[in-house]
């Protein structure tokens, strides 16, 4: 198997990944997954597509991720991994789609409007 690459996005986070045959090592920005995402919940989120298909120990994944926060980055990485697994084996798409890993979450922060303190918040109003 040659190297398969994929892209995942969430909010303002972008994850580019390169998947190759290996032993299940995930490297994020030249650091180990456990070092980059110390939270076990975020590590679990990243590994969800792999554990759904039962291939945790089969692929080595190199990741470049930037933008957003930890949660957005982990979810962008999950989408990228799911897309790469579908590129490797198209038959897996149905199982990943059922878990909701193929769908890009399009929700992003709404822009701030002029004359308001935030996107929808209005300044305090008093008749006196």
Foldseek 3Di string as FASTA:
>chain_A
DAWFWFWFFFAFKIKIKIKDFFFQFEAEPNHGPCVVDVDVVLVCLLCVLCVLVVNNGTIYMYMYMDDDDSNRNSLRNLLGVLVRVCVVPVVCVVSCVVVVSPDHDPDYAAAADPQAPGNPHHPDDDPD
